[in-house]
Amino acid sequence: MSVSPKKKVKKKRKNGVFMITAVVCVLCFIFIYNSFGMKAQIKNNAEVASDLQAQIDEQKQLKEDLVKESEYVQSDDYIEQIARDKLGLVHKNEIIFKKQQN
């Protein structure tokens, strides 16, 4: 009993179609698996980016505060305040009242 050449060709085509289908299915599975991993990575990157943006905003605010403080430290008002509080100095026309201790 010999198999006809047409049946051999049909069997080869079936095997070929099956193999192509299997390869396509495996590639689809790999693609889907990787897409879930990429979604998780994207979410993680977004969280890191938002944390970094918050740190940038915080540092900008700190810089603004330091610039304002630097300007204030160089002002006459600051010098006068330090002279009064730390050194006990007063203007010529001022009178100092001290509380008596019992």
PDB file of N, CA and C in Angstrom:
ATOM      1  N   MET A   1       0.812  -1.171   0.000  1.00  0.00           N
ATOM      2  CA  MET A   1       0.000   0.000   0.000  1.00  0.00           C
ATOM      3  C   MET A   1       0.864   1.246   0.000  1.00  0.00           C
ATOM      4  N   SER A   2       0.761   1.943  -1.018  1.00  0.00           N
ATOM      5  CA  SER A   2       1.581   3.112  -1.223  1.00  0.00           C
ATOM      6  C   SER A   2       0.694   4.352  -1.121  1.00  0.00           C
ATOM      7  N   VAL A   3       1.229   5.400  -0.498  1.00  0.00           N
ATOM      8  CA  VAL A   3       0.488   6.651  -0.349  1.00  0.00           C
ATOM      9  C   VAL A   3       0.713   7.466  -1.615  1.00  0.00           C
ATOM     10  N   SER A   4      -0.380   7.985  -2.111  1.00  0.00           N
ATOM     11  CA  SER A   4      -0.276   8.729  -3.361  1.00  0.00           C
ATOM     12  C   SER A   4       0.459  10.051  -3.150  1.00  0.00           C
ATOM     13  N   PRO A   5       1.075  10.561  -4.212  1.00  0.00           N
ATOM     14  CA  PRO A   5       1.828  11.816  -4.093  1.00  0.00           C
ATOM     15  C   PRO A   5       0.937  12.993  -3.682  1.00  0.00           C
ATOM     16  N   LYS A   6      -0.331  12.987  -4.057  1.00  0.00           N
ATOM     17  CA  LYS A   6      -1.225  14.090  -3.696  1.00  0.00           C
ATOM     18  C   LYS A   6      -1.460  14.102  -2.187  1.00  0.00           C
ATOM     19  N   LYS A   7      -1.588  12.894  -1.596  1.00  0.00           N
ATOM     20  CA  LYS A   7      -1.815  12.806  -0.156  1.00  0.00           C
ATOM     21  C   LYS A   7      -0.568  13.281   0.604  1.00  0.00           C
ATOM     22  N   LYS A   8       0.612  12.990   0.073  1.00  0.00           N
ATOM     23  CA  LYS A   8       1.846  13.424   0.717  1.00  0.00           C
ATOM     24  C   LYS A   8       1.932  14.959   0.716  1.00  0.00           C
ATOM     25  N   VAL A   9       1.556  15.550  -0.394  1.00  0.00           N
ATOM     26  CA  VAL A   9       1.589  17.010  -0.514  1.00  0.00           C
ATOM     27  C   VAL A   9       0.589  17.636   0.453  1.00  0.00           C
ATOM     28  N   LYS A  10      -0.622  17.029   0.538  1.00  0.00           N
ATOM     29  CA  LYS A  10      -1.634  17.547   1.457  1.00  0.00           C
ATOM     30  C   LYS A  10      -1.164  17.427   2.903  1.00  0.00           C
ATOM     31  N   LYS A  11      -0.521  16.302   3.230  1.00  0.00           N
ATOM     32  CA  LYS A  11      -0.033  16.093   4.584  1.00  0.00           C
ATOM     33  C   LYS A  11       1.078  17.098   4.908  1.00  0.00           C
ATOM     34  N   LYS A  12       1.962  17.360   3.951  1.00  0.00           N
ATOM     35  CA  LYS A  12       3.030  18.334   4.158  1.00  0.00           C
ATOM     36  C   LYS A  12       2.448  19.739   4.342  1.00  0.00           C
ATOM     37  N   ARG A  13       1.428  20.066   3.573  1.00  0.00           N
ATOM     38  CA  ARG A  13       0.777  21.379   3.704  1.00  0.00           C
ATOM     39  C   ARG A  13       0.126  21.520   5.081  1.00  0.00           C
ATOM     40  N   LYS A  14      -0.543  20.434   5.536  1.00  0.00           N
ATOM     41  CA  LYS A  14      -1.177  20.458   6.849  1.00  0.00           C
ATOM     42  C   LYS A  14      -0.126  20.665   7.937  1.00  0.00           C
ATOM     43  N   ASN A  15       0.972  19.924   7.821  1.00  0.00           N
ATOM     44  CA  ASN A  15       2.047  20.062   8.800  1.00  0.00           C
ATOM     45  C   ASN A  15       2.641  21.471   8.745  1.00  0.00           C
ATOM     46  N   GLY A  16       2.811  21.998   7.553  1.00  0.00           N
ATOM     47  CA  GLY A  16       3.353  23.351   7.387  1.00  0.00           C
ATOM     48  C   GLY A  16       2.427  24.396   7.989  1.00  0.00           C
ATOM     49  N   VAL A  17       1.128  24.261   7.724  1.00  0.00           N
ATOM     50  CA  VAL A  17       0.148  25.212   8.277  1.00  0.00           C
ATOM     51  C   VAL A  17       0.133  25.097   9.802  1.00  0.00           C
ATOM     52  N   PHE A  18       0.216  23.889  10.317  1.00  0.00           N
ATOM     53  CA  PHE A  18       0.222  23.676  11.760  1.00  0.00           C
ATOM     54  C   PHE A  18       1.462  24.324  12.381  1.00  0.00           C
ATOM     55  N   MET A  19       2.609  24.152  11.763  1.00  0.00           N
ATOM     56  CA  MET A  19       3.848  24.730  12.281  1.00  0.00           C
ATOM     57  C   MET A  19       3.802  26.262  12.252  1.00  0.00           C
ATOM     58  N   ILE A  20       3.299  26.822  11.168  1.00  0.00           N
ATOM     59  CA  ILE A  20       3.177  28.282  11.069  1.00  0.00           C
ATOM     60  C   ILE A  20       2.228  28.804  12.139  1.00  0.00           C
ATOM     61  N   THR A  21       1.107  28.106  12.325  1.00  0.00           N
ATOM     62  CA  THR A  21       0.136  28.496  13.355  1.00  0.00           C
ATOM     63  C   THR A  21       0.772  28.423  14.739  1.00  0.00           C
ATOM     64  N   ALA A  22       1.530  27.375  14.997  1.00  0.00           N
ATOM     65  CA  ALA A  22       2.188  27.222  16.297  1.00  0.00           C
ATOM     66  C   ALA A  22       3.196  28.343  16.529  1.00  0.00           C
ATOM     67  N   VAL A  23       3.977  28.675  15.523  1.00  0.00           N
ATOM     68  CA  VAL A  23       4.966  29.744  15.655  1.00  0.00           C
ATOM     69  C   VAL A  23       4.273  31.081  15.893  1.00  0.00           C
ATOM     70  N   VAL A  24       3.212  31.348  15.170  1.00  0.00           N
ATOM     71  CA  VAL A  24       2.461  32.600  15.343  1.00  0.00           C
ATOM     72  C   VAL A  24       1.885  32.674  16.759  1.00  0.00           C
ATOM     73  N   CYS A  25       1.353  31.560  17.246  1.00  0.00           N
ATOM     74  CA  CYS A  25       0.799  31.531  18.611  1.00  0.00           C
ATOM     75  C   CYS A  25       1.884  31.789  19.648  1.00  0.00           C
ATOM     76  N   VAL A  26       3.040  31.177  19.480  1.00  0.00           N
ATOM     77  CA  VAL A  26       4.146  31.391  20.415  1.00  0.00           C
ATOM     78  C   VAL A  26       4.587  32.852  20.376  1.00  0.00           C
ATOM     79  N   LEU A  27       4.703  33.424  19.196  1.00  0.00           N
ATOM     80  CA  LEU A  27       5.097  34.829  19.080  1.00  0.00           C
ATOM     81  C   LEU A  27       4.061  35.758  19.720  1.00  0.00           C
ATOM     82  N   CYS A  28       2.788  35.444  19.528  1.00  0.00           N
ATOM     83  CA  CYS A  28       1.721  36.239  20.168  1.00  0.00           C
ATOM     84  C   CYS A  28       1.827  36.155  21.688  1.00  0.00           C
ATOM     85  N   PHE A  29       2.070  34.970  22.211  1.00  0.00           N
ATOM     86  CA  PHE A  29       2.211  34.791  23.653  1.00  0.00           C
ATOM     87  C   PHE A  29       3.387  35.611  24.176  1.00  0.00           C
ATOM     88  N   ILE A  30       4.509  35.559  23.470  1.00  0.00           N
ATOM     89  CA  ILE A  30       5.691  36.322  23.885  1.00  0.00           C
ATOM     90  C   ILE A  30       5.390  37.817  23.857  1.00  0.00           C
ATOM     91  N   PHE A  31       4.717  38.270  22.816  1.00  0.00           N
ATOM     92  CA  PHE A  31       4.363  39.683  22.688  1.00  0.00           C
ATOM     93  C   PHE A  31       3.461  40.125  23.837  1.00  0.00           C
ATOM     94  N   ILE A  32       2.449  39.339  24.136  1.00  0.00           N
ATOM     95  CA  ILE A  32       1.512  39.676  25.219  1.00  0.00           C
ATOM     96  C   ILE A  32       2.230  39.681  26.565  1.00  0.00           C
ATOM     97  N   TYR A  33       3.073  38.677  26.791  1.00  0.00           N
ATOM     98  CA  TYR A  33       3.822  38.587  28.052  1.00  0.00           C
ATOM     99  C   TYR A  33       4.720  39.811  28.230  1.00  0.00           C
ATOM    100  N   ASN A  34       5.413  40.196  27.175  1.00  0.00           N
ATOM    101  CA  ASN A  34       6.299  41.360  27.251  1.00  0.00           C
ATOM    102  C   ASN A  34       5.518  42.654  27.419  1.00  0.00           C
ATOM    103  N   SER A  35       4.333  42.737  26.837  1.00  0.00           N
ATOM    104  CA  SER A  35       3.553  43.967  26.966  1.00  0.00           C
ATOM    105  C   SER A  35       3.121  44.197  28.415  1.00  0.00           C
ATOM    106  N   PHE A  36       2.800  43.132  29.149  1.00  0.00           N
ATOM    107  CA  PHE A  36       2.455  43.294  30.558  1.00  0.00           C
ATOM    108  C   PHE A  36       3.664  43.788  31.357  1.00  0.00           C
ATOM    109  N   GLY A  37       4.822  43.250  31.055  1.00  0.00           N
ATOM    110  CA  GLY A  37       6.040  43.710  31.720  1.00  0.00           C
ATOM    111  C   GLY A  37       6.333  45.169  31.416  1.00  0.00           C
ATOM    112  N   MET A  38       6.103  45.567  30.174  1.00  0.00           N
ATOM    113  CA  MET A  38       6.350  46.950  29.786  1.00  0.00           C
ATOM    114  C   MET A  38       5.357  47.889  30.455  1.00  0.00           C
ATOM    115  N   LYS A  39       4.104  47.463  30.594  1.00  0.00           N
ATOM    116  CA  LYS A  39       3.110  48.296  31.274  1.00  0.00           C
ATOM    117  C   LYS A  39       3.523  48.537  32.720  1.00  0.00           C
ATOM    118  N   ALA A  40       4.002  47.511  33.383  1.00  0.00           N
ATOM    119  CA  ALA A  40       4.464  47.660  34.763  1.00  0.00           C
ATOM    120  C   ALA A  40       5.661  48.605  34.822  1.00  0.00           C
ATOM    121  N   GLN A  41       6.567  48.482  33.878  1.00  0.00           N
ATOM    122  CA  GLN A  41       7.744  49.358  33.837  1.00  0.00           C
ATOM    123  C   GLN A  41       7.339  50.802  33.568  1.00  0.00           C
ATOM    124  N   ILE A  42       6.378  51.001  32.673  1.00  0.00           N
ATOM    125  CA  ILE A  42       5.892  52.352  32.370  1.00  0.00           C
ATOM    126  C   ILE A  42       5.269  52.972  33.618  1.00  0.00           C
ATOM    127  N   LYS A  43       4.474  52.186  34.333  1.00  0.00           N
ATOM    128  CA  LYS A  43       3.838  52.679  35.562  1.00  0.00           C
ATOM    129  C   LYS A  43       4.910  53.048  36.584  1.00  0.00           C
ATOM    130  N   ASN A  44       5.906  52.215  36.733  1.00  0.00           N
ATOM    131  CA  ASN A  44       6.997  52.481  37.668  1.00  0.00           C
ATOM    132  C   ASN A  44       7.751  53.746  37.270  1.00  0.00           C
ATOM    133  N   ASN A  45       8.034  53.893  35.993  1.00  0.00           N
ATOM    134  CA  ASN A  45       8.732  55.084  35.505  1.00  0.00           C
ATOM    135  C   ASN A  45       7.911  56.349  35.734  1.00  0.00           C
ATOM    136  N   ALA A  46       6.594  56.252  35.573  1.00  0.00           N
ATOM    137  CA  ALA A  46       5.730  57.406  35.808  1.00  0.00           C
ATOM    138  C   ALA A  46       5.772  57.814  37.278  1.00  0.00           C
ATOM    139  N   GLU A  47       5.782  56.839  38.171  1.00  0.00           N
ATOM    140  CA  GLU A  47       5.861  57.142  39.602  1.00  0.00           C
ATOM    141  C   GLU A  47       7.197  57.798  39.936  1.00  0.00           C
ATOM    142  N   VAL A  48       8.269  57.276  39.375  1.00  0.00           N
ATOM    143  CA  VAL A  48       9.598  57.855  39.616  1.00  0.00           C
ATOM    144  C   VAL A  48       9.641  59.283  39.069  1.00  0.00           C
ATOM    145  N   ALA A  49       9.080  59.483  37.889  1.00  0.00           N
ATOM    146  CA  ALA A  49       9.076  60.816  37.280  1.00  0.00           C
ATOM    147  C   ALA A  49       8.282  61.798  38.146  1.00  0.00           C
ATOM    148  N   SER A  50       7.157  61.367  38.696  1.00  0.00           N
ATOM    149  CA  SER A  50       6.358  62.266  39.530  1.00  0.00           C
ATOM    150  C   SER A  50       7.087  62.572  40.835  1.00  0.00           C
ATOM    151  N   ASP A  51       7.787  61.582  41.405  1.00  0.00           N
ATOM    152  CA  ASP A  51       8.584  61.830  42.612  1.00  0.00           C
ATOM    153  C   ASP A  51       9.713  62.817  42.329  1.00  0.00           C
ATOM    154  N   LEU A  52      10.368  62.645  41.199  1.00  0.00           N
ATOM    155  CA  LEU A  52      11.457  63.558  40.834  1.00  0.00           C
ATOM    156  C   LEU A  52      10.937  64.968  40.579  1.00  0.00           C
ATOM    157  N   GLN A  53       9.764  65.069  39.962  1.00  0.00           N
ATOM    158  CA  GLN A  53       9.180  66.390  39.725  1.00  0.00           C
ATOM    159  C   GLN A  53       8.842  67.065  41.044  1.00  0.00           C
ATOM    160  N   ALA A  54       8.348  66.285  42.004  1.00  0.00           N
ATOM    161  CA  ALA A  54       8.052  66.839  43.328  1.00  0.00           C
ATOM    162  C   ALA A  54       9.333  67.335  43.998  1.00  0.00           C
ATOM    163  N   GLN A  55      10.406  66.586  43.855  1.00  0.00           N
ATOM    164  CA  GLN A  55      11.684  67.016  44.428  1.00  0.00           C
ATOM    165  C   GLN A  55      12.199  68.281  43.746  1.00  0.00           C
ATOM    166  N   ILE A  56      12.015  68.363  42.437  1.00  0.00           N
ATOM    167  CA  ILE A  56      12.431  69.563  41.695  1.00  0.00           C
ATOM    168  C   ILE A  56      11.653  70.777  42.187  1.00  0.00           C
ATOM    169  N   ASP A  57      10.335  70.619  42.342  1.00  0.00           N
ATOM    170  CA  ASP A  57       9.503  71.721  42.824  1.00  0.00           C
ATOM    171  C   ASP A  57       9.920  72.143  44.233  1.00  0.00           C
ATOM    172  N   GLU A  58      10.206  71.167  45.073  1.00  0.00           N
ATOM    173  CA  GLU A  58      10.640  71.450  46.446  1.00  0.00           C
ATOM    174  C   GLU A  58      11.960  72.210  46.451  1.00  0.00           C
ATOM    175  N   GLN A  59      12.896  71.790  45.604  1.00  0.00           N
ATOM    176  CA  GLN A  59      14.196  72.458  45.535  1.00  0.00           C
ATOM    177  C   GLN A  59      14.065  73.878  44.972  1.00  0.00           C
ATOM    178  N   LYS A  60      13.158  74.075  44.018  1.00  0.00           N
ATOM    179  CA  LYS A  60      12.929  75.420  43.480  1.00  0.00           C
ATOM    180  C   LYS A  60      12.390  76.340  44.575  1.00  0.00           C
ATOM    181  N   GLN A  61      11.454  75.823  45.378  1.00  0.00           N
ATOM    182  CA  GLN A  61      10.893  76.615  46.467  1.00  0.00           C
ATOM    183  C   GLN A  61      11.974  76.936  47.501  1.00  0.00           C
ATOM    184  N   LEU A  62      12.816  75.959  47.808  1.00  0.00           N
ATOM    185  CA  LEU A  62      13.918  76.174  48.742  1.00  0.00           C
ATOM    186  C   LEU A  62      14.875  77.241  48.206  1.00  0.00           C
ATOM    187  N   LYS A  63      15.150  77.203  46.929  1.00  0.00           N
ATOM    188  CA  LYS A  63      16.022  78.205  46.317  1.00  0.00           C
ATOM    189  C   LYS A  63      15.417  79.601  46.440  1.00  0.00           C
ATOM    190  N   GLU A  64      14.116  79.709  46.160  1.00  0.00           N
ATOM    191  CA  GLU A  64      13.448  81.007  46.285  1.00  0.00           C
ATOM    192  C   GLU A  64      13.526  81.520  47.720  1.00  0.00           C
ATOM    193  N   ASP A  65      13.300  80.627  48.683  1.00  0.00           N
ATOM    194  CA  ASP A  65      13.369  81.022  50.092  1.00  0.00           C
ATOM    195  C   ASP A  65      14.778  81.487  50.457  1.00  0.00           C
ATOM    196  N   LEU A  66      15.790  80.781  49.966  1.00  0.00           N
ATOM    197  CA  LEU A  66      17.170  81.162  50.260  1.00  0.00           C
ATOM    198  C   LEU A  66      17.540  82.493  49.616  1.00  0.00           C
ATOM    199  N   VAL A  67      17.047  82.742  48.420  1.00  0.00           N
ATOM    200  CA  VAL A  67      17.315  84.019  47.757  1.00  0.00           C
ATOM    201  C   VAL A  67      16.679  85.148  48.562  1.00  0.00           C
ATOM    202  N   LYS A  68      15.425  84.955  49.007  1.00  0.00           N
ATOM    203  CA  LYS A  68      14.753  85.981  49.809  1.00  0.00           C
ATOM    204  C   LYS A  68      15.491  86.217  51.126  1.00  0.00           C
ATOM    205  N   GLU A  69      15.907  85.123  51.764  1.00  0.00           N
ATOM    206  CA  GLU A  69      16.633  85.250  53.029  1.00  0.00           C
ATOM    207  C   GLU A  69      17.975  85.956  52.813  1.00  0.00           C
ATOM    208  N   SER A  70      18.650  85.640  51.718  1.00  0.00           N
ATOM    209  CA  SER A  70      19.921  86.289  51.406  1.00  0.00           C
ATOM    210  C   SER A  70      19.724  87.787  51.213  1.00  0.00           C
ATOM    211  N   GLU A  71      18.662  88.172  50.536  1.00  0.00           N
ATOM    212  CA  GLU A  71      18.369  89.594  50.341  1.00  0.00           C
ATOM    213  C   GLU A  71      18.054  90.263  51.671  1.00  0.00           C
ATOM    214  N   TYR A  72      17.305  89.568  52.534  1.00  0.00           N
ATOM    215  CA  TYR A  72      16.948  90.128  53.836  1.00  0.00           C
ATOM    216  C   TYR A  72      18.186  90.281  54.721  1.00  0.00           C
ATOM    217  N   VAL A  73      19.080  89.300  54.692  1.00  0.00           N
ATOM    218  CA  VAL A  73      20.291  89.346  55.520  1.00  0.00           C
ATOM    219  C   VAL A  73      21.161  90.541  55.125  1.00  0.00           C
ATOM    220  N   GLN A  74      21.102  90.936  53.885  1.00  0.00           N
ATOM    221  CA  GLN A  74      21.911  92.068  53.424  1.00  0.00           C
ATOM    222  C   GLN A  74      21.218  93.411  53.636  1.00  0.00           C
ATOM    223  N   SER A  75      20.011  93.396  54.169  1.00  0.00           N
ATOM    224  CA  SER A  75      19.258  94.639  54.337  1.00  0.00           C
ATOM    225  C   SER A  75      19.602  95.321  55.661  1.00  0.00           C
ATOM    226  N   ASP A  76      19.267  96.597  55.741  1.00  0.00           N
ATOM    227  CA  ASP A  76      19.483  97.368  56.971  1.00  0.00           C
ATOM    228  C   ASP A  76      18.567  96.882  58.092  1.00  0.00           C
ATOM    229  N   ASP A  77      17.364  96.445  57.741  1.00  0.00           N
ATOM    230  CA  ASP A  77      16.432  95.949  58.763  1.00  0.00           C
ATOM    231  C   ASP A  77      17.021  94.761  59.516  1.00  0.00           C
ATOM    232  N   TYR A  78      17.662  93.870  58.811  1.00  0.00           N
ATOM    233  CA  TYR A  78      18.255  92.693  59.454  1.00  0.00           C
ATOM    234  C   TYR A  78      19.407  93.108  60.366  1.00  0.00           C
ATOM    235  N   ILE A  79      20.232  93.995  59.887  1.00  0.00           N
ATOM    236  CA  ILE A  79      21.371  94.453  60.684  1.00  0.00           C
ATOM    237  C   ILE A  79      20.868  95.120  61.961  1.00  0.00           C
ATOM    238  N   GLU A  80      19.833  95.937  61.835  1.00  0.00           N
ATOM    239  CA  GLU A  80      19.257  96.603  63.008  1.00  0.00           C
ATOM    240  C   GLU A  80      18.669  95.577  63.985  1.00  0.00           C
ATOM    241  N   GLN A  81      17.990  94.590  63.468  1.00  0.00           N
ATOM    242  CA  GLN A  81      17.400  93.568  64.325  1.00  0.00           C
ATOM    243  C   GLN A  81      18.475  92.803  65.096  1.00  0.00           C
ATOM    244  N   ILE A  82      19.537  92.420  64.431  1.00  0.00           N
ATOM    245  CA  ILE A  82      20.632  91.705  65.090  1.00  0.00           C
ATOM    246  C   ILE A  82      21.290  92.604  66.140  1.00  0.00           C
ATOM    247  N   ALA A  83      21.468  93.889  65.808  1.00  0.00           N
ATOM    248  CA  ALA A  83      22.077  94.814  66.758  1.00  0.00           C
ATOM    249  C   ALA A  83      21.217  94.940  68.014  1.00  0.00           C
ATOM    250  N   ARG A  84      19.900  94.965  67.856  1.00  0.00           N
ATOM    251  CA  ARG A  84      18.997  95.063  69.010  1.00  0.00           C
ATOM    252  C   ARG A  84      18.973  93.762  69.810  1.00  0.00           C
ATOM    253  N   ASP A  85      18.725  92.648  69.119  1.00  0.00           N
ATOM    254  CA  ASP A  85      18.491  91.374  69.806  1.00  0.00           C
ATOM    255  C   ASP A  85      19.763  90.778  70.383  1.00  0.00           C
ATOM    256  N   LYS A  86      20.813  90.744  69.645  1.00  0.00           N
ATOM    257  CA  LYS A  86      22.032  90.048  70.068  1.00  0.00           C
ATOM    258  C   LYS A  86      22.992  90.951  70.842  1.00  0.00           C
ATOM    259  N   LEU A  87      23.089  92.203  70.404  1.00  0.00           N
ATOM    260  CA  LEU A  87      24.087  93.089  70.996  1.00  0.00           C
ATOM    261  C   LEU A  87      23.488  94.081  71.992  1.00  0.00           C
ATOM    262  N   GLY A  88      22.167  94.215  71.996  1.00  0.00           N
ATOM    263  CA  GLY A  88      21.515  95.134  72.935  1.00  0.00           C
ATOM    264  C   GLY A  88      21.691  96.604  72.573  1.00  0.00           C
ATOM    265  N   LEU A  89      21.981  96.902  71.353  1.00  0.00           N
ATOM    266  CA  LEU A  89      22.171  98.281  70.921  1.00  0.00           C
ATOM    267  C   LEU A  89      20.828  98.945  70.641  1.00  0.00           C
ATOM    268  N   VAL A  90      20.781 100.286  70.819  1.00  0.00           N
ATOM    269  CA  VAL A  90      19.569 101.055  70.551  1.00  0.00           C
ATOM    270  C   VAL A  90      19.952 102.319  69.794  1.00  0.00           C
ATOM    271  N   HIS A  91      18.949 102.999  69.254  1.00  0.00           N
ATOM    272  CA  HIS A  91      19.172 104.294  68.601  1.00  0.00           C
ATOM    273  C   HIS A  91      19.436 105.352  69.664  1.00  0.00           C
ATOM    274  N   LYS A  92      19.970 106.493  69.244  1.00  0.00           N
ATOM    275  CA  LYS A  92      20.328 107.573  70.175  1.00  0.00           C
ATOM    276  C   LYS A  92      19.119 108.097  70.951  1.00  0.00           C
ATOM    277  N   ASN A  93      17.982 108.177  70.307  1.00  0.00           N
ATOM    278  CA  ASN A  93      16.816 108.791  70.950  1.00  0.00           C
ATOM    279  C   ASN A  93      15.895 107.772  71.632  1.00  0.00           C
ATOM    280  N   GLU A  94      16.322 106.542  71.794  1.00  0.00           N
ATOM    281  CA  GLU A  94      15.493 105.520  72.428  1.00  0.00           C
ATOM    282  C   GLU A  94      15.868 105.360  73.894  1.00  0.00           C
ATOM    283  N   ILE A  95      14.853 104.965  74.703  1.00  0.00           N
ATOM    284  CA  ILE A  95      15.054 104.714  76.123  1.00  0.00           C
ATOM    285  C   ILE A  95      14.789 103.237  76.361  1.00  0.00           C
ATOM    286  N   ILE A  96      15.640 102.617  77.145  1.00  0.00           N
ATOM    287  CA  ILE A  96      15.486 101.196  77.437  1.00  0.00           C
ATOM    288  C   ILE A  96      14.778 101.040  78.769  1.00  0.00           C
ATOM    289  N   PHE A  97      13.729 100.264  78.794  1.00  0.00           N
ATOM    290  CA  PHE A  97      13.007  99.937  80.013  1.00  0.00           C
ATOM    291  C   PHE A  97      13.283  98.473  80.316  1.00  0.00           C
ATOM    292  N   LYS A  98      13.766  98.202  81.514  1.00  0.00           N
ATOM    293  CA  LYS A  98      14.047  96.842  81.911  1.00  0.00           C
ATOM    294  C   LYS A  98      13.107  96.431  83.024  1.00  0.00           C
ATOM    295  N   LYS A  99      12.676  95.237  82.995  1.00  0.00           N
ATOM    296  CA  LYS A  99      11.784  94.694  84.013  1.00  0.00           C
ATOM    297  C   LYS A  99      12.612  94.330  85.238  1.00  0.00           C
ATOM    298  N   GLN A 100      12.103  94.741  86.409  1.00  0.00           N
ATOM    299  CA  GLN A 100      12.827  94.431  87.629  1.00  0.00           C
ATOM    300  C   GLN A 100      12.593  92.984  88.013  1.00  0.00           C
ATOM    301  N   GLN A 101      13.637  92.358  88.448  1.00  0.00           N
ATOM    302  CA  GLN A 101      13.516  90.976  88.900  1.00  0.00           C
ATOM    303  C   GLN A 101      13.411  90.961  90.397  1.00  0.00           C
ATOM    304  N   ASN A 102      12.547  90.128  90.953  1.00  0.00           N
ATOM    305  CA  ASN A 102      12.343  90.058  92.423  1.00  0.00           C
ATOM    306  C   ASN A 102      13.346  89.211  93.076  1.00  0.00           C
TER     307      ASN A 102
END
